Amino acid sequence: MAQFGTRETFAVEVGEAMSPGLRIIDLWAAGKLLTARDNVAYVPSFRHYLRSASARVRQREVLRRPFPERSPEETFRRLEADQSEFREQYWFLNWGEIVDDVDSYAYLDSDLVLVFALRGTSLTVDDVGKVFVARVPPDTFAATLEQAADLLDGPVAT
């Protein structure tokens, strides 16, 4: 697998092609595998998600921290509890079926802050009720996504 970024903060790992349009993709954040249940991505859509998210982050179109007085974990819980359109502004990593077991939000501090929880089959006993936090400099995050997308642009050997 080709790895972009670091698993401890955020990484995209691009693996073998399953067919011309499907590829093994592992996503990591805060040392947690986000794609434990399903890591086969439809390349055209996934590449679009990467490029779109990269542009948002690079252009600083991600909103600032919604509750500056709260910890990242508490911010996640408040956003999860909010059923209005307010929380939708912070949704992040909505990149198709491979991240269906991840509830995630992002905001800007001095870094891009990803707050997330795992659910479903991606959840281990140790992860129950936990909120995870990954902090990545925005330009580093954007570059990670761009490098993975560039690899996905190339020819695929099947």
C-alpha atoms as a PDB file:
ATOM      1  CA  MET A   1       0.000   0.000   0.000  1.00  0.00           C
ATOM      2  CA  ALA A   2       1.104   3.540  -0.742  1.00  0.00           C
ATOM      3  CA  GLN A   3       0.735   5.649   2.401  1.00  0.00           C
ATOM      4  CA  PHE A   4       0.151   9.393   2.489  1.00  0.00           C
ATOM      5  CA  GLY A   5       0.223  11.121   5.876  1.00  0.00           C
ATOM      6  CA  THR A   6       0.696   9.383   9.202  1.00  0.00           C
ATOM      7  CA  ARG A   7      -1.643   6.993  10.956  1.00  0.00           C
ATOM      8  CA  GLU A   8      -1.186   8.845  14.256  1.00  0.00           C
ATOM      9  CA  THR A   9      -2.750  12.009  12.796  1.00  0.00           C
ATOM     10  CA  PHE A  10      -4.358  11.301   9.414  1.00  0.00           C
ATOM     11  CA  ALA A  11      -3.415   8.945   6.596  1.00  0.00           C
ATOM     12  CA  VAL A  12      -4.765   7.640   3.328  1.00  0.00           C
ATOM     13  CA  GLU A  13      -3.392   4.285   2.252  1.00  0.00           C
ATOM     14  CA  VAL A  14      -4.017   3.256  -1.352  1.00  0.00           C
ATOM     15  CA  GLY A  15      -3.861  -0.458  -2.011  1.00  0.00           C
ATOM     16  CA  GLU A  16      -4.472  -2.838  -4.846  1.00  0.00           C
ATOM     17  CA  ALA A  17      -7.074  -2.420  -7.541  1.00  0.00           C
ATOM     18  CA  MET A  18      -9.999  -4.807  -7.269  1.00  0.00           C
ATOM     19  CA  SER A  19     -11.158  -3.761 -10.750  1.00  0.00           C
ATOM     20  CA  PRO A  20     -10.602  -0.667 -12.910  1.00  0.00           C
ATOM     21  CA  GLY A  21     -13.108   1.292 -10.790  1.00  0.00           C
ATOM     22  CA  LEU A  22     -12.581  -0.204  -7.315  1.00  0.00           C
ATOM     23  CA  ARG A  23      -9.559   0.133  -5.069  1.00  0.00           C
ATOM     24  CA  ILE A  24      -8.562  -0.876  -1.554  1.00  0.00           C
ATOM     25  CA  ILE A  25      -8.372   2.301   0.569  1.00  0.00           C
ATOM     26  CA  ASP A  26      -7.539   2.478   4.267  1.00  0.00           C
ATOM     27  CA  LEU A  27      -8.179   5.702   6.156  1.00  0.00           C
ATOM     28  CA  TRP A  28      -6.575   6.375   9.531  1.00  0.00           C
ATOM     29  CA  ALA A  29      -7.092   9.174  12.048  1.00  0.00           C
ATOM     30  CA  ALA A  30      -5.718   9.486  15.573  1.00  0.00           C
ATOM     31  CA  GLY A  31      -4.256   5.981  15.242  1.00  0.00           C
ATOM     32  CA  LYS A  32      -7.666   4.452  14.478  1.00  0.00           C
ATOM     33  CA  LEU A  33      -8.560   2.580  11.298  1.00  0.00           C
ATOM     34  CA  LEU A  34     -11.705   4.230   9.929  1.00  0.00           C
ATOM     35  CA  THR A  35     -12.300   1.679   7.172  1.00  0.00           C
ATOM     36  CA  ALA A  36     -12.310  -1.559   9.175  1.00  0.00           C
ATOM     37  CA  ARG A  37     -15.699  -2.727   7.876  1.00  0.00           C
ATOM     38  CA  ASP A  38     -15.423  -1.679   4.229  1.00  0.00           C
ATOM     39  CA  ASN A  39     -12.238  -0.525   2.548  1.00  0.00           C
ATOM     40  CA  VAL A  40     -13.169  -0.918  -1.121  1.00  0.00           C
ATOM     41  CA  ALA A  41     -13.803   2.496  -2.647  1.00  0.00           C
ATOM     42  CA  TYR A  42     -15.290   3.443  -5.999  1.00  0.00           C
ATOM     43  CA  VAL A  43     -12.334   5.399  -7.355  1.00  0.00           C
ATOM     44  CA  PRO A  44     -14.080   8.152  -9.393  1.00  0.00           C
ATOM     45  CA  SER A  45     -16.247   9.192  -6.443  1.00  0.00           C
ATOM     46  CA  PHE A  46     -13.547   8.777  -3.810  1.00  0.00           C
ATOM     47  CA  ARG A  47     -11.035  10.818  -5.837  1.00  0.00           C
ATOM     48  CA  HIS A  48     -13.670  13.575  -6.131  1.00  0.00           C
ATOM     49  CA  TYR A  49     -14.241  13.526  -2.344  1.00  0.00           C
ATOM     50  CA  LEU A  50     -10.494  13.835  -1.721  1.00  0.00           C
ATOM     51  CA  ARG A  51     -10.052  16.753  -4.098  1.00  0.00           C
ATOM     52  CA  SER A  52     -13.155  18.538  -2.806  1.00  0.00           C
ATOM     53  CA  ALA A  53     -12.113  18.179   0.855  1.00  0.00           C
ATOM     54  CA  SER A  54      -8.564  19.231   0.032  1.00  0.00           C
ATOM     55  CA  ALA A  55      -9.795  22.409  -1.663  1.00  0.00           C
ATOM     56  CA  ARG A  56     -12.099  23.238   1.278  1.00  0.00           C
ATOM     57  CA  VAL A  57      -9.268  22.857   3.765  1.00  0.00           C
ATOM     58  CA  ARG A  58      -6.620  24.618   1.671  1.00  0.00           C
ATOM     59  CA  GLN A  59      -8.964  27.572   1.085  1.00  0.00           C
ATOM     60  CA  ARG A  60      -9.897  27.578   4.786  1.00  0.00           C
ATOM     61  CA  GLU A  61     -13.569  27.007   3.980  1.00  0.00           C
ATOM     62  CA  VAL A  62     -13.865  24.803   7.058  1.00  0.00           C
ATOM     63  CA  LEU A  63     -15.516  26.732   9.869  1.00  0.00           C
ATOM     64  CA  ARG A  64     -13.794  27.825  13.056  1.00  0.00           C
ATOM     65  CA  ARG A  65     -14.338  25.931  16.298  1.00  0.00           C
ATOM     66  CA  PRO A  66     -18.058  26.177  17.145  1.00  0.00           C
ATOM     67  CA  PHE A  67     -17.694  26.100  20.955  1.00  0.00           C
ATOM     68  CA  PRO A  68     -14.316  27.656  21.820  1.00  0.00           C
ATOM     69  CA  GLU A  69     -14.841  27.170  25.546  1.00  0.00           C
ATOM     70  CA  ARG A  70     -15.355  23.404  25.138  1.00  0.00           C
ATOM     71  CA  SER A  71     -12.917  20.533  24.645  1.00  0.00           C
ATOM     72  CA  PRO A  72     -12.853  18.785  21.263  1.00  0.00           C
ATOM     73  CA  GLU A  73     -14.623  15.797  22.831  1.00  0.00           C
ATOM     74  CA  GLU A  74     -17.384  17.968  24.258  1.00  0.00           C
ATOM     75  CA  THR A  75     -17.640  19.800  20.925  1.00  0.00           C
ATOM     76  CA  PHE A  76     -18.249  16.445  19.234  1.00  0.00           C
ATOM     77  CA  ARG A  77     -20.952  15.511  21.740  1.00  0.00           C
ATOM     78  CA  ARG A  78     -22.698  18.867  21.374  1.00  0.00           C
ATOM     79  CA  LEU A  79     -22.652  18.609  17.582  1.00  0.00           C
ATOM     80  CA  GLU A  80     -23.957  15.018  17.730  1.00  0.00           C
ATOM     81  CA  ALA A  81     -26.818  16.099  19.984  1.00  0.00           C
ATOM     82  CA  ASP A  82     -27.770  19.012  17.727  1.00  0.00           C
ATOM     83  CA  GLN A  83     -30.430  17.910  15.246  1.00  0.00           C
ATOM     84  CA  SER A  84     -30.523  21.201  13.336  1.00  0.00           C
ATOM     85  CA  GLU A  85     -28.696  22.278  10.209  1.00  0.00           C
ATOM     86  CA  PHE A  86     -26.054  23.877  12.422  1.00  0.00           C
ATOM     87  CA  ARG A  87     -24.155  20.625  12.899  1.00  0.00           C
ATOM     88  CA  GLU A  88     -24.229  19.847   9.172  1.00  0.00           C
ATOM     89  CA  GLN A  89     -21.836  22.739   8.606  1.00  0.00           C
ATOM     90  CA  TYR A  90     -19.203  20.731  10.487  1.00  0.00           C
ATOM     91  CA  TRP A  91     -19.774  17.299   8.904  1.00  0.00           C
ATOM     92  CA  PHE A  92     -16.573  15.901   7.479  1.00  0.00           C
ATOM     93  CA  LEU A  93     -15.258  12.682   5.930  1.00  0.00           C
ATOM     94  CA  ASN A  94     -18.550  11.972   4.185  1.00  0.00           C
ATOM     95  CA  TRP A  95     -16.680  10.048   1.525  1.00  0.00           C
ATOM     96  CA  GLY A  96     -18.987   7.180   0.685  1.00  0.00           C
ATOM     97  CA  GLU A  97     -19.642   3.747   2.098  1.00  0.00           C
ATOM     98  CA  ILE A  98     -16.118   3.156   3.355  1.00  0.00           C
ATOM     99  CA  VAL A  99     -16.706   5.610   6.197  1.00  0.00           C
ATOM    100  CA  ASP A 100     -20.278   4.637   7.047  1.00  0.00           C
ATOM    101  CA  ASP A 101     -19.125   3.506  10.516  1.00  0.00           C
ATOM    102  CA  VAL A 102     -17.637   6.909  11.374  1.00  0.00           C
ATOM    103  CA  ASP A 103     -19.434   9.955  12.759  1.00  0.00           C
ATOM    104  CA  SER A 104     -17.106  12.892  12.184  1.00  0.00           C
ATOM    105  CA  TYR A 105     -16.871  16.638  12.294  1.00  0.00           C
ATOM    106  CA  ALA A 106     -14.059  19.054  11.533  1.00  0.00           C
ATOM    107  CA  TYR A 107     -13.249  22.613  12.420  1.00  0.00           C
ATOM    108  CA  LEU A 108     -10.301  24.965  12.278  1.00  0.00           C
ATOM    109  CA  ASP A 109      -8.229  26.004  15.222  1.00  0.00           C
ATOM    110  CA  SER A 110      -4.594  26.634  14.466  1.00  0.00           C
ATOM    111  CA  ASP A 111      -4.880  23.093  13.021  1.00  0.00           C
ATOM    112  CA  LEU A 112      -7.629  21.232  11.259  1.00  0.00           C
ATOM    113  CA  VAL A 113      -9.290  19.330  14.088  1.00  0.00           C
ATOM    114  CA  LEU A 114     -11.097  16.089  13.280  1.00  0.00           C
ATOM    115  CA  VAL A 115     -13.370  14.793  16.029  1.00  0.00           C
ATOM    116  CA  PHE A 116     -14.966  11.435  15.476  1.00  0.00           C
ATOM    117  CA  ALA A 117     -16.496   8.313  16.966  1.00  0.00           C
ATOM    118  CA  LEU A 118     -16.608   4.818  15.558  1.00  0.00           C
ATOM    119  CA  ARG A 119     -19.788   2.755  15.464  1.00  0.00           C
ATOM    120  CA  GLY A 120     -21.070  -0.499  14.070  1.00  0.00           C
ATOM    121  CA  THR A 121     -18.578  -3.194  13.164  1.00  0.00           C
ATOM    122  CA  SER A 122     -15.659  -0.739  13.315  1.00  0.00           C
ATOM    123  CA  LEU A 123     -16.172  -0.422  17.061  1.00  0.00           C
ATOM    124  CA  THR A 124     -14.069  -2.405  19.515  1.00  0.00           C
ATOM    125  CA  VAL A 125     -14.890  -2.852  23.200  1.00  0.00           C
ATOM    126  CA  ASP A 126     -12.172  -0.332  24.076  1.00  0.00           C
ATOM    127  CA  ASP A 127     -13.704   2.254  21.735  1.00  0.00           C
ATOM    128  CA  VAL A 128     -17.265   2.225  23.119  1.00  0.00           C
ATOM    129  CA  GLY A 129     -18.319   5.755  24.022  1.00  0.00           C
ATOM    130  CA  LYS A 130     -14.973   7.280  23.060  1.00  0.00           C
ATOM    131  CA  VAL A 131     -14.479  10.370  20.984  1.00  0.00           C
ATOM    132  CA  PHE A 132     -11.190  10.574  19.109  1.00  0.00           C
ATOM    133  CA  VAL A 133      -9.360  13.733  18.127  1.00  0.00           C
ATOM    134  CA  ALA A 134      -6.842  14.221  15.338  1.00  0.00           C
ATOM    135  CA  ARG A 135      -5.041  17.507  14.793  1.00  0.00           C
ATOM    136  CA  VAL A 136      -3.358  18.158  11.462  1.00  0.00           C
ATOM    137  CA  PRO A 137      -1.939  21.375  10.018  1.00  0.00           C
ATOM    138  CA  PRO A 138      -4.431  22.336   7.283  1.00  0.00           C
ATOM    139  CA  ASP A 139      -1.888  22.423   4.462  1.00  0.00           C
ATOM    140  CA  THR A 140      -0.478  19.045   5.528  1.00  0.00           C
ATOM    141  CA  PHE A 141      -3.970  17.540   5.500  1.00  0.00           C
ATOM    142  CA  ALA A 142      -4.717  19.036   2.074  1.00  0.00           C
ATOM    143  CA  ALA A 143      -1.408  17.756   0.675  1.00  0.00           C
ATOM    144  CA  THR A 144      -2.124  14.258   2.013  1.00  0.00           C
ATOM    145  CA  LEU A 145      -5.444  14.176   0.168  1.00  0.00           C
ATOM    146  CA  GLU A 146      -3.967  15.648  -3.014  1.00  0.00           C
ATOM    147  CA  GLN A 147      -1.139  13.096  -3.109  1.00  0.00           C
ATOM    148  CA  ALA A 148      -3.574  10.206  -2.706  1.00  0.00           C
ATOM    149  CA  ALA A 149      -5.871  11.660  -5.378  1.00  0.00           C
ATOM    150  CA  ASP A 150      -2.906  12.094  -7.741  1.00  0.00           C
ATOM    151  CA  LEU A 151      -2.033   8.416  -7.334  1.00  0.00           C
ATOM    152  CA  LEU A 152      -5.655   7.477  -8.022  1.00  0.00           C
ATOM    153  CA  ASP A 153      -5.505   9.561 -11.224  1.00  0.00           C
ATOM    154  CA  GLY A 154      -2.808   7.284 -12.615  1.00  0.00           C
ATOM    155  CA  PRO A 155      -3.183   4.076 -14.566  1.00  0.00           C
ATOM    156  CA  VAL A 156      -4.314   1.007 -12.675  1.00  0.00           C
ATOM    157  CA  ALA A 157      -2.761  -2.401 -13.113  1.00  0.00           C
ATOM    158  CA  THR A 158      -5.335  -5.139 -12.533  1.00  0.00           C
END
